[in-house]
């Protein structure tokens, strides 16, 4: 066990004493419990309410609508400016061709 000396404002000290007494435990036990609970909250997964998820989705859709879509000429201009690099050794021509076909299929959808 470690020991920690802590300076507290008098009002907080009195509140902690009151809470410990109401729980029927020592001040030390109560402070350890309160700190443990607070630390555990940092590692707890909280579900996001459905309403909040819907709000986020609506905000995202509104942002997409506000941004608009790029015209084919704008897309081509950006692609023309990209840097062409050599494929990694593991990416043989067959795998590259499959990726390219997958990208073409996805762009048609």
Protein backbone atom coordinates (compact mmCIF):
# COMPACT_ATOMS: atom_id res chain seq x y z
CA UNK A 1 0.00 0.00 0.00
CA UNK A 2 1.15 3.51 -0.77
CA UNK A 3 0.75 6.54 1.41
CA UNK A 4 -0.29 9.94 0.08
CA UNK A 5 -0.40 13.24 1.92
CA UNK A 6 -3.04 15.48 0.45
CA UNK A 7 -4.04 19.09 1.15
CA UNK A 8 -7.78 19.67 0.78
CA UNK A 9 -9.92 22.75 1.13
CA UNK A 10 -11.68 22.56 4.48
CA UNK A 11 -15.13 22.50 2.88
CA UNK A 12 -14.23 19.50 0.69
CA UNK A 13 -12.72 17.72 3.70
CA UNK A 14 -15.91 18.23 5.68
CA UNK A 15 -18.07 17.03 2.77
CA UNK A 16 -15.96 13.88 2.46
CA UNK A 17 -16.23 13.22 6.20
CA UNK A 18 -20.01 13.63 6.00
CA UNK A 19 -20.28 11.28 3.01
CA UNK A 20 -18.04 8.67 4.65
CA UNK A 21 -20.12 8.80 7.84
CA UNK A 22 -23.35 8.43 5.87
CA UNK A 23 -21.89 5.32 4.19
CA UNK A 24 -20.65 3.99 7.51
CA UNK A 25 -17.01 3.75 6.44
CA UNK A 26 -13.78 5.50 7.34
CA UNK A 27 -12.73 8.64 5.53
CA UNK A 28 -9.80 6.72 4.02
CA UNK A 29 -12.09 3.94 2.75
CA UNK A 30 -14.49 6.48 1.25
CA UNK A 31 -11.74 8.42 -0.55
CA UNK A 32 -10.26 5.18 -1.96
CA UNK A 33 -13.75 4.14 -3.11
CA UNK A 34 -14.44 7.53 -4.72
CA UNK A 35 -11.09 7.59 -6.52
CA UNK A 36 -11.51 4.00 -7.70
CA UNK A 37 -14.95 4.77 -9.07
CA UNK A 38 -13.66 7.84 -10.90
CA UNK A 39 -10.72 5.96 -12.43
CA UNK A 40 -13.00 3.10 -13.49
CA UNK A 41 -15.21 5.56 -15.38
CA UNK A 42 -12.25 6.38 -17.63
CA UNK A 43 -12.10 2.72 -18.67
CA UNK A 44 -15.82 2.14 -19.02
CA UNK A 45 -17.47 1.89 -22.42
CA UNK A 46 -20.60 3.98 -22.63
CA UNK A 47 -23.20 3.39 -25.31
CA UNK A 48 -24.26 6.37 -27.34
CA UNK A 49 -28.00 7.01 -27.22
CA UNK A 50 -29.83 6.35 -30.49
CA UNK A 51 -31.06 9.95 -30.58
CA UNK A 52 -27.48 11.25 -30.45
CA UNK A 53 -26.44 8.83 -33.21
CA UNK A 54 -29.32 10.08 -35.36
CA UNK A 55 -28.32 13.69 -34.72
CA UNK A 56 -24.73 12.93 -35.72
CA UNK A 57 -25.88 11.19 -38.89
CA UNK A 58 -28.13 14.12 -39.80
CA UNK A 59 -25.28 16.58 -39.18
CA UNK A 60 -22.97 14.47 -41.35
CA UNK A 61 -25.52 14.29 -44.18
CA UNK A 62 -26.05 18.06 -43.95
CA UNK A 63 -22.29 18.57 -44.18
CA UNK A 64 -22.05 16.31 -47.24
CA UNK A 65 -24.91 18.21 -48.87
CA UNK A 66 -23.24 21.53 -48.08
CA UNK A 67 -19.94 20.36 -49.54
CA UNK A 68 -21.60 19.16 -52.72
CA UNK A 69 -20.09 16.78 -55.23
CA UNK A 70 -17.00 17.13 -57.37
CA UNK A 71 -17.54 17.15 -61.12
CA UNK A 72 -15.74 14.52 -63.21
CA UNK A 73 -13.37 17.23 -64.50
CA UNK A 74 -12.52 18.29 -60.92
CA UNK A 75 -11.82 14.66 -59.97
CA UNK A 76 -9.64 14.21 -63.06
CA UNK A 77 -7.70 17.41 -62.27
CA UNK A 78 -6.95 16.19 -58.76
CA UNK A 79 -5.98 12.72 -59.97
CA UNK A 80 -3.70 14.21 -62.62
CA UNK A 81 -1.77 16.03 -59.88
CA UNK A 82 -1.18 12.93 -57.76
CA UNK A 83 2.25 11.42 -57.39
CA UNK A 84 2.73 8.10 -59.16
CA UNK A 85 4.75 5.64 -57.08
CA UNK A 86 5.97 2.12 -57.64
CA UNK A 87 3.79 -0.63 -56.22
CA UNK A 88 5.04 -2.64 -53.29
CA UNK A 89 6.70 -5.90 -54.21
CA UNK A 90 3.87 -7.90 -52.63
CA UNK A 91 1.38 -6.26 -54.98
CA UNK A 92 1.82 -8.33 -58.09
CA UNK A 93 0.08 -7.28 -61.33
CA UNK A 94 -2.82 -9.68 -60.71
CA UNK A 95 -3.61 -8.18 -57.30
CA UNK A 96 -3.29 -4.63 -58.67
CA UNK A 97 -5.68 -5.50 -61.51
CA UNK A 98 -8.20 -6.92 -58.99
CA UNK A 99 -7.98 -3.75 -56.88
CA UNK A 100 -8.47 -1.57 -59.94
CA UNK A 101 -11.49 -3.62 -61.00
CA UNK A 102 -12.91 -3.36 -57.49
CA UNK A 103 -12.48 0.44 -57.57
CA UNK A 104 -14.15 0.66 -60.99
CA UNK A 105 -17.08 -1.49 -59.78
CA UNK A 106 -17.46 0.64 -56.65
CA UNK A 107 -17.47 3.88 -58.64
CA UNK A 108 -20.30 2.56 -60.84
CA UNK A 109 -22.49 1.76 -57.83
